[in-house]
Amino acid sequence: MLKMTKKILVTGASGFIGAHTVIDLLSNGYEVRGTIRDLNRATDLKKLFSANAKNLENLELVEASLTDPDCWGNVVEGCDGVFHLASPVPIEQPKNPDELIIPAREGVLNVLKAAADAKIKRVVLTSSIAAVSANPHAGKIIQSEADWSDPLFPTINAYGLSKTLAERAAWDFAADKDIELIAINPTMVLGPTLEPDYGSSLEALVLLMSGRYPLLPKLSMGIVDVRDVAILHRLAFEHGNAGSRLLCSHGHMSLLEIATLLGREIPSLGKQLPRYELPSFVFRALAKFNPVLATIVPDLDKIVEYDCAPAFHLGWQPRPIEEAIICGATSLIEHGVITIN
């Protein structure tokens, strides 16, 4: 077990996972230095954290840019560990993958170099299941930490490519500099947003609850609660084995099952929720004329299973995915993102 240290640098502290990670660390006795892109947001963010976190006096917010290598030396100074969460996560895939690849890869290398220069040994990296399951075996065999997405896989998207290349670069750098790196690879992250700017993780719920889509593709996904992803970062830092990748998921649901759950638990959503699935052969036909739909086709009618045993061995106890879905939906309503007609 790694002895608890005093101050953790959390990059991307204003993000969906980042904010919950800050809250968890503060609530467990850590000091936190969080990076944000614009320091003008600091006052509003501290108000947000004060409503959700203990020990706010132990939080410091600083400005930093992923692609500015010169800023990170001062940012890591005095920290005992680094949680690197900051990385671009789009709602829509860009036409040019470099829009995601460059900041993701440069960002992780800039942070790791600064950590190495500051003699910080342990770094927890937020990666994604997108760096695991874009390979020909996904859906056929259980995916484990040994599995990697193939950058040349025909259906890998820009986000998956950016997460794969950034994580690969991080592992190469860590091996060269003897950094104790641990990667967290979550599936779809749901759960409560703390503000109306919900980012991209909850976009699936927003689309389901908006009333714009009467029919759904036959699409299933692994789900994990954002609060449990935050906890796993801390457990990895405190107990995890250096050099490990921790896949985290706690069950699957199809889009239709999610919509049905929302209708049962939040009846006021009523007719805003889709109730039927589109046959996959029809969806594939439509996708020939729509590049956005085409990105979904490879995942139709497919369930990918993940080996999350290494995370459970750390004492990780995730909550039911139904709770993640309902809390996420409720928070979107409370913050005015979704209006009930």
Protein backbone atom coordinates (compact mmCIF):
# COMPACT_ATOMS: atom_id res chain seq x y z
CA MET A 1 0.00 0.00 0.00
CA LEU A 2 1.29 3.44 -0.90
CA LYS A 3 1.29 5.80 2.05
CA MET A 4 -1.22 8.63 1.62
CA THR A 5 0.52 11.74 0.39
CA LYS A 6 -0.40 15.33 1.00
CA LYS A 7 -1.02 17.18 -2.25
CA ILE A 8 -2.35 15.84 -5.57
CA LEU A 9 -2.31 17.71 -8.86
CA VAL A 10 -5.57 17.13 -10.73
CA THR A 11 -5.46 18.28 -14.34
CA GLY A 12 -8.82 19.13 -15.87
CA ALA A 13 -10.35 19.88 -12.46
CA SER A 14 -13.43 21.52 -13.97
CA GLY A 15 -14.36 18.52 -16.13
CA PHE A 16 -17.05 15.96 -15.40
CA ILE A 17 -14.71 13.32 -13.95
CA GLY A 18 -12.19 15.92 -12.76
CA ALA A 19 -14.66 17.78 -10.55
CA HIS A 20 -15.84 14.59 -8.86
CA THR A 21 -12.21 13.53 -8.38
CA VAL A 22 -11.42 16.83 -6.65
CA ILE A 23 -14.43 16.34 -4.37
CA ASP A 24 -13.39 12.79 -3.47
CA LEU A 25 -9.79 13.78 -2.73
CA LEU A 26 -10.79 16.73 -0.55
CA SER A 27 -13.28 14.56 1.32
CA ASN A 28 -10.52 12.03 2.02
CA GLY A 29 -8.02 14.44 3.52
CA TYR A 30 -5.90 15.39 0.53
CA GLU A 31 -4.81 18.81 -0.54
CA VAL A 32 -5.60 19.41 -4.20
CA ARG A 33 -4.14 21.67 -6.83
CA GLY A 34 -6.49 21.64 -9.80
CA THR A 35 -5.77 22.99 -13.25
CA ILE A 36 -8.31 24.87 -15.34
CA ARG A 37 -7.97 26.50 -18.74
CA ASP A 38 -9.23 29.93 -17.67
CA LEU A 39 -8.53 31.30 -14.20
CA ASN A 40 -11.50 33.64 -14.57
CA ARG A 41 -13.65 30.60 -13.78
CA ALA A 42 -11.96 30.01 -10.43
CA THR A 43 -14.45 31.92 -8.29
CA ASP A 44 -17.47 30.19 -9.81
CA LEU A 45 -15.80 26.79 -9.57
CA LYS A 46 -14.96 27.26 -5.91
CA LYS A 47 -18.61 28.08 -5.26
CA LEU A 48 -19.54 24.88 -7.06
CA PHE A 49 -17.05 22.85 -5.04
CA SER A 50 -18.13 24.49 -1.77
CA ALA A 51 -21.64 23.10 -2.30
CA ASN A 52 -20.35 19.58 -2.82
CA ALA A 53 -17.02 19.12 -1.06
CA LYS A 54 -15.48 19.19 2.39
CA ASN A 55 -12.22 20.95 3.28
CA LEU A 56 -12.44 23.57 0.55
CA GLU A 57 -9.51 25.39 2.16
CA ASN A 58 -7.33 22.58 0.83
CA LEU A 59 -8.16 23.40 -2.81
CA GLU A 60 -6.00 25.58 -5.05
CA LEU A 61 -6.94 26.30 -8.68
CA VAL A 62 -4.30 27.27 -11.24
CA GLU A 63 -4.36 27.96 -14.96
CA ALA A 64 -2.64 25.60 -17.39
CA SER A 65 -2.80 24.60 -21.04
CA LEU A 66 -2.22 21.05 -22.27
CA THR A 67 -0.13 22.20 -25.22
CA ASP A 68 2.04 24.71 -23.32
CA PRO A 69 5.09 22.77 -22.11
CA ASP A 70 6.48 25.75 -20.22
CA CYS A 71 3.63 26.10 -17.72
CA TRP A 72 3.76 22.66 -16.12
CA GLY A 73 6.99 23.00 -14.13
CA ASN A 74 5.41 25.51 -11.77
CA VAL A 75 2.11 23.63 -11.74
CA VAL A 76 3.58 20.35 -10.43
CA GLU A 77 5.96 21.98 -7.95
CA GLY A 78 5.21 20.88 -4.40
CA CYS A 79 2.84 18.08 -5.40
CA ASP A 80 3.24 14.49 -4.27
CA GLY A 81 1.26 12.84 -7.04
CA VAL A 82 -0.49 13.62 -10.30
CA PHE A 83 -3.91 12.63 -11.60
CA HIS A 84 -3.92 13.53 -15.30
CA LEU A 85 -7.53 13.80 -16.44
CA ALA A 86 -7.42 16.72 -18.88
CA SER A 87 -7.96 15.63 -22.48
CA PRO A 88 -10.31 16.77 -25.25
CA VAL A 89 -13.62 14.84 -25.30
CA PRO A 90 -15.84 15.87 -28.22
CA ILE A 91 -19.60 15.56 -28.54
CA GLU A 92 -19.12 15.12 -32.30
CA GLN A 93 -16.08 13.54 -33.91
CA PRO A 94 -13.91 16.10 -35.78
CA LYS A 95 -13.12 15.64 -39.45
CA ASN A 96 -9.43 15.96 -38.68
CA PRO A 97 -8.37 13.49 -35.94
CA ASP A 98 -5.33 15.64 -35.15
CA GLU A 99 -7.67 18.11 -33.45
CA LEU A 100 -7.92 15.54 -30.65
CA ILE A 101 -4.69 13.57 -31.08
CA ILE A 102 -2.26 16.47 -30.80
CA PRO A 103 -3.54 18.03 -27.54
CA ALA A 104 -4.13 14.60 -25.97
CA ARG A 105 -0.65 13.26 -26.75
CA GLU A 106 1.23 16.51 -26.20
CA GLY A 107 -0.70 17.15 -23.01
CA VAL A 108 0.12 13.85 -21.36
CA LEU A 109 3.79 14.11 -22.33
CA ASN A 110 4.05 17.70 -21.05
CA VAL A 111 2.55 16.69 -17.71
CA LEU A 112 4.67 13.55 -17.38
CA LYS A 113 7.88 15.41 -18.23
CA ALA A 114 7.14 18.01 -15.57
CA ALA A 115 6.33 15.25 -13.07
CA ALA A 116 9.59 13.47 -13.85
CA ASP A 117 11.59 16.69 -13.49
CA ALA A 118 9.90 17.30 -10.11
CA LYS A 119 10.75 13.74 -8.97
CA ILE A 120 7.06 12.83 -8.67
CA LYS A 121 6.93 9.06 -8.85
CA ARG A 122 3.28 8.10 -9.09
CA VAL A 123 0.89 9.29 -11.81
CA VAL A 124 -2.69 8.13 -12.38
CA LEU A 125 -3.79 8.65 -15.97
CA THR A 126 -7.41 8.86 -17.09
CA SER A 127 -7.61 6.93 -20.34
CA SER A 128 -10.73 5.30 -21.77
CA ILE A 129 -12.20 1.99 -22.81
CA ALA A 130 -11.85 3.53 -26.28
CA ALA A 131 -8.13 2.74 -25.94
CA VAL A 132 -9.01 -0.92 -25.33
CA SER A 133 -11.87 -2.21 -27.43
CA ALA A 134 -11.37 -1.01 -31.01
CA ASN A 135 -9.96 -4.35 -32.07
CA PRO A 136 -11.25 -7.43 -33.91
CA HIS A 137 -11.66 -9.45 -30.70
CA ALA A 138 -14.00 -7.06 -28.86
CA GLY A 139 -17.43 -8.66 -28.51
CA LYS A 140 -15.93 -12.11 -28.96
CA ILE A 141 -13.70 -12.39 -25.89
CA ILE A 142 -13.64 -10.52 -22.59
CA GLN A 143 -11.46 -7.44 -22.86
CA SER A 144 -8.76 -7.05 -20.23
CA GLU A 145 -5.92 -4.67 -19.45
CA ALA A 146 -3.82 -6.58 -21.98
CA ASP A 147 -6.11 -5.54 -24.85
CA TRP A 148 -5.46 -2.44 -26.92
CA SER A 149 -7.31 -0.59 -29.62
CA ASP A 150 -5.61 -0.86 -32.98
CA PRO A 151 -4.90 2.59 -34.49
CA LEU A 152 -5.40 1.02 -37.93
CA PHE A 153 -8.67 -0.70 -37.03
CA PRO A 154 -11.18 0.31 -39.73
CA THR A 155 -13.86 1.60 -37.36
CA ILE A 156 -11.77 3.43 -34.77
CA ASN A 157 -12.91 7.05 -34.42
CA ALA A 158 -10.88 10.18 -33.72
CA TYR A 159 -11.55 10.07 -29.99
CA GLY A 160 -10.54 6.42 -29.71
CA LEU A 161 -7.43 7.11 -31.74
CA SER A 162 -6.47 10.07 -29.54
CA LYS A 163 -6.91 8.09 -26.31
CA THR A 164 -4.99 5.11 -27.68
CA LEU A 165 -2.03 7.13 -28.94
CA ALA A 166 -1.92 9.31 -25.83
CA GLU A 167 -1.94 6.31 -23.49
CA ARG A 168 0.69 4.50 -25.55
CA ALA A 169 2.89 7.61 -25.42
CA ALA A 170 2.40 7.82 -21.66
CA TRP A 171 3.47 4.22 -21.11
CA ASP A 172 6.58 4.67 -23.26
CA PHE A 173 7.57 7.82 -21.39
CA ALA A 174 6.88 6.28 -17.97
CA ALA A 175 9.03 3.26 -18.76
CA ASP A 176 11.90 5.49 -19.87
CA LYS A 177 11.71 7.75 -16.79
CA ASP A 178 10.79 5.09 -14.21
CA ILE A 179 7.45 6.72 -13.35
CA GLU A 180 4.89 4.59 -11.51
CA LEU A 181 2.04 4.98 -14.00
CA ILE A 182 -1.46 3.55 -13.54
CA ALA A 183 -4.17 4.01 -16.18
CA ILE A 184 -7.92 4.14 -15.55
CA ASN A 185 -10.03 2.97 -18.53
CA PRO A 186 -13.74 3.65 -17.92
CA THR A 187 -16.66 2.74 -20.14
CA MET A 188 -19.49 5.28 -20.62
CA VAL A 189 -19.38 7.56 -17.57
CA LEU A 190 -22.77 8.67 -16.24
CA GLY A 191 -23.89 10.13 -12.94
CA PRO A 192 -24.67 13.61 -11.62
CA THR A 193 -23.38 16.73 -13.32
CA LEU A 194 -22.54 19.54 -10.90
CA GLU A 195 -23.39 22.37 -13.29
CA PRO A 196 -25.30 23.07 -16.53
CA ASP A 197 -22.07 22.71 -18.55
CA TYR A 198 -22.30 18.92 -18.51
CA GLY A 199 -19.58 18.25 -21.09
CA SER A 200 -19.90 15.29 -23.43
CA SER A 201 -20.23 12.30 -21.08
CA LEU A 202 -23.93 12.87 -20.44
CA GLU A 203 -24.79 13.63 -24.06
CA ALA A 204 -26.41 10.22 -24.50
CA LEU A 205 -28.88 11.01 -21.70
CA VAL A 206 -29.51 14.48 -23.10
CA LEU A 207 -30.36 13.00 -26.51
CA LEU A 208 -32.65 10.37 -24.97
CA MET A 209 -34.49 12.92 -22.82
CA SER A 210 -34.79 15.66 -25.42
CA GLY A 211 -37.72 14.15 -27.30
CA ARG A 212 -35.96 14.46 -30.65
CA TYR A 213 -35.37 10.77 -31.33
CA PRO A 214 -38.43 8.49 -31.45
CA LEU A 215 -36.40 5.47 -32.61
CA LEU A 216 -33.14 4.09 -31.25
CA PRO A 217 -30.36 1.96 -32.68
CA LYS A 218 -29.81 -1.47 -31.11
CA LEU A 219 -26.81 -0.25 -29.19
CA SER A 220 -25.59 -1.48 -25.80
CA MET A 221 -22.79 -0.02 -23.72
CA GLY A 222 -20.87 -0.56 -20.53
CA ILE A 223 -21.67 2.04 -17.88
CA VAL A 224 -19.96 3.30 -14.74
CA ASP A 225 -20.83 6.09 -12.29
CA VAL A 226 -18.60 9.19 -12.38
CA ARG A 227 -18.31 9.13 -8.58
CA ASP A 228 -16.97 5.59 -8.73
CA VAL A 229 -14.46 6.53 -11.43
CA ALA A 230 -13.25 9.31 -9.11
CA ILE A 231 -12.91 6.88 -6.21
CA LEU A 232 -10.98 4.43 -8.38
CA HIS A 233 -8.41 7.13 -9.19
CA ARG A 234 -7.72 7.54 -5.48
CA LEU A 235 -7.66 3.80 -4.80
CA ALA A 236 -5.24 3.32 -7.68
CA PHE A 237 -2.95 5.96 -6.22
CA GLU A 238 -3.11 4.52 -2.71
CA HIS A 239 -3.12 0.79 -3.42
CA GLY A 240 -2.61 0.12 -7.12
CA ASN A 241 0.27 -1.68 -8.73
CA ALA A 242 2.44 0.50 -10.91
CA GLY A 243 2.20 -0.45 -14.56
CA SER A 244 -1.42 -1.60 -14.43
CA ARG A 245 -4.45 -0.60 -16.46
CA LEU A 246 -7.72 -0.62 -14.52
CA LEU A 247 -10.77 -1.17 -16.69
CA CYS A 248 -13.92 0.04 -14.95
CA SER A 249 -17.48 -0.83 -15.86
CA HIS A 250 -20.36 -2.12 -13.79
CA GLY A 251 -22.81 -3.59 -16.26
CA HIS A 252 -24.41 -3.01 -19.64
CA MET A 253 -27.62 -1.44 -20.84
CA SER A 254 -29.04 -0.78 -24.26
CA LEU A 255 -30.26 2.68 -25.17
CA LEU A 256 -33.82 1.38 -25.10
CA GLU A 257 -33.32 -0.13 -21.64
CA ILE A 258 -31.99 3.22 -20.43
CA ALA A 259 -35.00 5.04 -21.89
CA THR A 260 -37.36 2.53 -20.29
CA LEU A 261 -35.67 2.98 -16.92
CA LEU A 262 -35.96 6.76 -17.20
CA GLY A 263 -39.65 6.50 -18.05
CA ARG A 264 -40.29 4.30 -15.04
CA GLU A 265 -38.29 6.35 -12.54
CA ILE A 266 -39.07 9.84 -13.89
CA PRO A 267 -42.65 9.49 -15.23
CA SER A 268 -42.92 13.22 -15.95
CA LEU A 269 -40.57 12.73 -18.91
CA GLY A 270 -43.48 10.93 -20.56
CA LYS A 271 -43.57 11.16 -24.33
CA GLN A 272 -40.16 12.80 -24.54
CA LEU A 273 -38.54 9.38 -24.29
CA PRO A 274 -38.13 7.03 -27.26
CA ARG A 275 -39.94 3.71 -26.94
CA TYR A 276 -38.84 1.64 -29.91
CA GLU A 277 -35.69 0.33 -31.54
CA LEU A 278 -34.96 0.65 -35.21
CA PRO A 279 -34.15 -2.67 -36.89
CA SER A 280 -30.43 -2.83 -37.47
CA PHE A 281 -30.76 -3.57 -41.19
CA VAL A 282 -32.76 -0.34 -41.57
CA PHE A 283 -30.20 1.61 -39.53
CA ARG A 284 -27.38 0.26 -41.69
CA ALA A 285 -29.23 1.35 -44.83
CA LEU A 286 -29.73 4.87 -43.45
CA ALA A 287 -26.10 5.05 -42.35
CA LYS A 288 -24.94 4.77 -45.96
CA PHE A 289 -26.19 8.33 -46.41
CA ASN A 290 -25.24 9.73 -42.99
CA PRO A 291 -21.60 9.74 -41.81
CA VAL A 292 -22.62 10.32 -38.18
CA LEU A 293 -24.83 7.24 -38.17
CA ALA A 294 -22.12 5.29 -39.95
CA THR A 295 -19.84 5.60 -36.91
CA ILE A 296 -22.37 3.63 -34.85
CA VAL A 297 -22.84 0.73 -37.27
CA PRO A 298 -19.88 -1.39 -36.06
CA ASP A 299 -21.34 -1.47 -32.54
CA LEU A 300 -24.89 -2.48 -33.47
CA ASP A 301 -26.10 -5.68 -31.79
CA LYS A 302 -22.75 -6.09 -30.02
CA ILE A 303 -22.04 -6.42 -26.31
CA VAL A 304 -18.44 -6.09 -25.17
CA GLU A 305 -17.53 -7.58 -21.79
CA TYR A 306 -14.68 -6.22 -19.66
CA ASP A 307 -12.49 -7.76 -16.98
CA CYS A 308 -12.67 -5.30 -14.08
CA ALA A 309 -11.28 -7.71 -11.48
CA PRO A 310 -8.08 -5.66 -10.93
CA ALA A 311 -10.20 -2.67 -9.89
CA PHE A 312 -12.31 -4.79 -7.53
CA HIS A 313 -9.15 -6.18 -5.96
CA LEU A 314 -8.34 -2.64 -4.77
CA GLY A 315 -11.57 -2.57 -2.77
CA TRP A 316 -13.53 -0.71 -5.44
CA GLN A 317 -17.27 -1.04 -4.83
CA PRO A 318 -19.19 0.72 -7.62
CA ARG A 319 -22.84 1.59 -7.23
CA PRO A 320 -25.54 0.14 -9.53
CA ILE A 321 -25.59 1.61 -13.01
CA GLU A 322 -29.30 2.35 -12.56
CA GLU A 323 -28.28 4.89 -9.92
CA ALA A 324 -25.75 6.45 -12.28
CA ILE A 325 -28.43 6.83 -14.95
CA ILE A 326 -31.13 8.27 -12.69
CA CYS A 327 -28.77 10.63 -10.87
CA GLY A 328 -27.42 11.84 -14.20
CA ALA A 329 -30.89 12.43 -15.59
CA THR A 330 -32.14 14.13 -12.44
CA SER A 331 -29.17 16.49 -12.37
CA LEU A 332 -29.76 17.47 -16.00
CA ILE A 333 -33.33 18.41 -15.11
CA GLU A 334 -32.28 20.27 -11.95
CA HIS A 335 -29.71 22.34 -13.86
CA GLY A 336 -32.18 23.22 -16.61
CA VAL A 337 -30.41 21.30 -19.37
CA ILE A 338 -33.57 19.25 -19.94
CA THR A 339 -37.00 20.85 -19.79
CA ILE A 340 -39.98 18.62 -19.13
CA ASN A 341 -42.80 19.57 -21.49
